[in-house]
C-alpha atoms as a PDB file:
ATOM      1  CA  MET A   1      -6.963  -0.962 -18.010  1.00  0.00           C
ATOM      2  CA  PHE A   2      -4.418  -2.319 -15.530  1.00  0.00           C
ATOM      3  CA  ILE A   3      -2.975   1.202 -15.143  1.00  0.00           C
ATOM      4  CA  TYR A   4      -6.413   2.488 -14.144  1.00  0.00           C
ATOM      5  CA  LYS A   5      -6.744  -0.306 -11.575  1.00  0.00           C
ATOM      6  CA  LEU A   6      -3.453   0.591  -9.926  1.00  0.00           C
ATOM      7  CA  PHE A   7      -4.245   4.285  -9.894  1.00  0.00           C
ATOM      8  CA  VAL A   8      -7.731   4.114  -8.459  1.00  0.00           C
ATOM      9  CA  ILE A   9      -7.228   1.799  -5.492  1.00  0.00           C
ATOM     10  CA  LYS A  10      -8.503   3.714  -2.500  1.00  0.00           C
ATOM     11  CA  TYR A  11      -7.339   3.317   1.085  1.00  0.00           C
ATOM     12  CA  MET A  12      -9.679   2.818   3.955  1.00  0.00           C
ATOM     13  CA  GLU A  13      -8.995   4.275   7.382  1.00  0.00           C
ATOM     14  CA  ASN A  14      -7.317   1.086   8.613  1.00  0.00           C
ATOM     15  CA  GLY A  15      -4.954   1.035   5.613  1.00  0.00           C
ATOM     16  CA  GLU A  16      -6.725  -1.789   3.798  1.00  0.00           C
ATOM     17  CA  GLU A  17      -6.938  -1.382   0.019  1.00  0.00           C
ATOM     18  CA  LYS A  18     -10.415  -0.915  -1.406  1.00  0.00           C
ATOM     19  CA  SER A  19     -11.133  -1.216  -5.114  1.00  0.00           C
ATOM     20  CA  VAL A  20     -13.665   0.810  -7.044  1.00  0.00           C
ATOM     21  CA  LEU A  21     -15.869  -2.272  -7.429  1.00  0.00           C
ATOM     22  CA  LEU A  22     -16.050  -2.616  -3.632  1.00  0.00           C
ATOM     23  CA  GLU A  23     -16.635   1.108  -3.265  1.00  0.00           C
ATOM     24  CA  TYR A  24     -19.582   1.015  -5.678  1.00  0.00           C
ATOM     25  CA  PHE A  25     -21.203  -2.293  -4.699  1.00  0.00           C
ATOM     26  CA  GLY A  26     -20.229  -2.727  -1.069  1.00  0.00           C
ATOM     27  CA  ASP A  27     -17.777  -4.673   0.997  1.00  0.00           C
ATOM     28  CA  TYR A  28     -19.639  -7.999   0.798  1.00  0.00           C
ATOM     29  CA  PRO A  29     -18.038 -11.450   0.503  1.00  0.00           C
ATOM     30  CA  LEU A  30     -19.420 -12.104  -3.001  1.00  0.00           C
ATOM     31  CA  ILE A  31     -18.191  -8.727  -4.278  1.00  0.00           C
ATOM     32  CA  LYS A  32     -14.777  -9.295  -2.661  1.00  0.00           C
ATOM     33  CA  ILE A  33     -14.461 -12.685  -4.360  1.00  0.00           C
ATOM     34  CA  LEU A  34     -15.545 -11.314  -7.740  1.00  0.00           C
ATOM     35  CA  ASP A  35     -13.189  -8.341  -7.357  1.00  0.00           C
ATOM     36  CA  PHE A  36     -10.224 -10.615  -6.695  1.00  0.00           C
ATOM     37  CA  LEU A  37     -11.142 -12.943  -9.560  1.00  0.00           C
ATOM     38  CA  ILE A  38     -11.520 -10.018 -11.982  1.00  0.00           C
ATOM     39  CA  THR A  39      -8.216  -8.475 -10.962  1.00  0.00           C
ATOM     40  CA  SER A  40      -6.424 -11.833 -11.167  1.00  0.00           C
ATOM     41  CA  ARG A  41      -8.333 -13.309 -14.101  1.00  0.00           C
ATOM     42  CA  ASP A  42      -5.238 -14.513 -15.956  1.00  0.00           C
ATOM     43  CA  MET A  43      -4.110 -16.768 -13.115  1.00  0.00           C
ATOM     44  CA  ASP A  44      -5.630 -19.822 -11.486  1.00  0.00           C
ATOM     45  CA  TYR A  45      -5.870 -20.352  -7.741  1.00  0.00           C
ATOM     46  CA  SER A  46      -7.000 -22.918  -5.217  1.00  0.00           C
ATOM     47  CA  MET A  47     -10.198 -22.236  -3.316  1.00  0.00           C
ATOM     48  CA  THR A  48      -8.158 -21.525  -0.190  1.00  0.00           C
ATOM     49  CA  GLU A  49      -6.036 -18.957  -2.040  1.00  0.00           C
ATOM     50  CA  ILE A  50      -9.116 -17.286  -3.504  1.00  0.00           C
ATOM     51  CA  ALA A  51     -10.760 -17.011  -0.073  1.00  0.00           C
ATOM     52  CA  LYS A  52      -7.568 -15.693   1.523  1.00  0.00           C
ATOM     53  CA  ASN A  53      -6.755 -13.196  -1.245  1.00  0.00           C
ATOM     54  CA  SER A  54     -10.374 -12.021  -1.295  1.00  0.00           C
ATOM     55  CA  ASN A  55     -10.180 -11.449   2.461  1.00  0.00           C
ATOM     56  CA  VAL A  56     -13.301 -13.603   2.946  1.00  0.00           C
ATOM     57  CA  GLY A  57     -13.742 -16.088   5.759  1.00  0.00           C
ATOM     58  CA  TRP A  58     -13.970 -19.752   4.855  1.00  0.00           C
ATOM     59  CA  THR A  59     -17.575 -20.150   6.051  1.00  0.00           C
ATOM     60  CA  ALA A  60     -18.853 -17.315   3.859  1.00  0.00           C
ATOM     61  CA  PHE A  61     -16.658 -18.451   0.982  1.00  0.00           C
ATOM     62  CA  SER A  62     -17.897 -22.040   1.140  1.00  0.00           C
ATOM     63  CA  GLU A  63     -21.511 -20.820   0.978  1.00  0.00           C
ATOM     64  CA  ILE A  64     -20.859 -18.640  -2.101  1.00  0.00           C
ATOM     65  CA  TRP A  65     -18.488 -20.896  -4.044  1.00  0.00           C
ATOM     66  CA  PRO A  66     -20.985 -23.578  -5.178  1.00  0.00           C
ATOM     67  CA  GLN A  67     -23.128 -20.897  -6.854  1.00  0.00           C
ATOM     68  CA  LEU A  68     -20.117 -19.500  -8.715  1.00  0.00           C
ATOM     69  CA  ILE A  69     -19.431 -23.002 -10.038  1.00  0.00           C
ATOM     70  CA  LYS A  70     -23.103 -23.682 -10.831  1.00  0.00           C
ATOM     71  CA  LYS A  71     -23.478 -20.380 -12.734  1.00  0.00           C
ATOM     72  CA  ASN A  72     -20.262 -21.109 -14.652  1.00  0.00           C
ATOM     73  CA  ILE A  73     -18.668 -17.903 -13.326  1.00  0.00           C
ATOM     74  CA  VAL A  74     -15.534 -19.794 -12.327  1.00  0.00           C
ATOM     75  CA  GLU A  75     -14.009 -22.762 -14.091  1.00  0.00           C
ATOM     76  CA  PHE A  76     -11.756 -25.593 -13.017  1.00  0.00           C
ATOM     77  CA  THR A  77      -8.361 -25.329 -14.725  1.00  0.00           C
ATOM     78  CA  ARG A  78      -6.146 -28.069 -13.296  1.00  0.00           C
ATOM     79  CA  LYS A  79      -5.181 -30.072 -10.257  1.00  0.00           C
ATOM     80  CA  ILE A  80      -1.882 -29.842  -8.384  1.00  0.00           C
ATOM     81  CA  GLY A  81      -1.608 -32.571  -5.765  1.00  0.00           C
ATOM     82  CA  ASN A  82      -4.891 -32.440  -3.876  1.00  0.00           C
ATOM     83  CA  ALA A  83      -5.562 -28.802  -4.762  1.00  0.00           C
ATOM     84  CA  LYS A  84      -8.029 -27.996  -7.526  1.00  0.00           C
ATOM     85  CA  LEU A  85      -7.280 -24.705  -9.246  1.00  0.00           C
ATOM     86  CA  TYR A  86      -9.909 -22.342 -10.606  1.00  0.00           C
ATOM     87  CA  LYS A  87     -10.087 -19.042 -12.437  1.00  0.00           C
ATOM     88  CA  LEU A  88     -12.705 -16.620 -13.656  1.00  0.00           C
ATOM     89  CA  ASN A  89     -14.535 -17.941 -16.718  1.00  0.00           C
ATOM     90  CA  THR A  90     -13.920 -15.071 -19.112  1.00  0.00           C
ATOM     91  CA  GLN A  91     -15.947 -16.864 -21.827  1.00  0.00           C
ATOM     92  CA  ASN A  92     -19.138 -16.480 -19.790  1.00  0.00           C
ATOM     93  CA  LEU A  93     -21.199 -13.560 -21.165  1.00  0.00           C
ATOM     94  CA  TRP A  94     -22.203 -12.374 -17.684  1.00  0.00           C
ATOM     95  CA  VAL A  95     -18.536 -12.352 -16.626  1.00  0.00           C
ATOM     96  CA  LYS A  96     -17.567 -10.421 -19.778  1.00  0.00           C
ATOM     97  CA  GLU A  97     -20.153  -7.764 -18.927  1.00  0.00           C
ATOM     98  CA  LEU A  98     -19.014  -7.650 -15.295  1.00  0.00           C
ATOM     99  CA  ILE A  99     -15.420  -7.079 -16.426  1.00  0.00           C
ATOM    100  CA  ARG A 100     -16.590  -4.392 -18.860  1.00  0.00           C
ATOM    101  CA  MET A 101     -18.543  -2.648 -16.087  1.00  0.00           C
ATOM    102  CA  ASP A 102     -15.568  -2.871 -13.712  1.00  0.00           C
ATOM    103  CA  ASN A 103     -13.336  -1.334 -16.383  1.00  0.00           C
ATOM    104  CA  LEU A 104     -15.844   1.448 -17.007  1.00  0.00           C
ATOM    105  CA  ILE A 105     -16.312   2.461 -13.372  1.00  0.00           C
ATOM    106  CA  THR A 106     -12.550   2.246 -12.802  1.00  0.00           C
ATOM    107  CA  LYS A 107     -11.946   4.535 -15.775  1.00  0.00           C
ATOM    108  CA  LEU A 108     -14.636   6.979 -14.606  1.00  0.00           C
ATOM    109  CA  GLU A 109     -13.161   7.152 -11.103  1.00  0.00           C
ATOM    110  CA  THR A 110      -9.638   7.549 -12.471  1.00  0.00           C
ATOM    111  CA  ASN A 111     -10.711  10.418 -14.708  1.00  0.00           C
ATOM    112  CA  LYS A 112     -12.524  12.012 -11.755  1.00  0.00           C
ATOM    113  CA  ILE A 113      -9.383  11.808  -9.596  1.00  0.00           C
ATOM    114  CA  LEU A 114      -7.197  13.170 -12.394  1.00  0.00           C
ATOM    115  CA  LYS A 115      -9.602  16.067 -12.934  1.00  0.00           C
ATOM    116  CA  GLU A 116      -9.584  16.882  -9.200  1.00  0.00           C
ATOM    117  CA  LYS A 117      -5.784  16.891  -9.209  1.00  0.00           C
ATOM    118  CA  GLU A 118      -5.760  19.203 -12.257  1.00  0.00           C
ATOM    119  CA  ILE A 119      -8.038  21.661 -10.472  1.00  0.00           C
ATOM    120  CA  ARG A 120      -5.779  21.712  -7.386  1.00  0.00           C
ATOM    121  CA  VAL A 121      -2.629  22.429  -9.427  1.00  0.00           C
END
């Protein structure tokens, strides 16, 4: 599925990358955070790194984050110095379905792009 992810990243007018998940569900802070966490689900990050890599401002992030913890969407993994590290909780059923949906729409968009390229050739 990683190959599909790399292939389908779209570019906005200002050159910023936009994933299929953002294209389908909108460029909202929660979707940006979830998109980053799905893409990077094998790694753990500090809250600051998640906000920065999601391209979400700290105020919006700090309003969303407690709900992600409460709903068990993210899980604490370890502490390095003062930084607490978190990652997507891939054992959560809702998260599993979200990943499955992301994979499906990414595959559909990839196949659509490949078909369009075939027609042009």
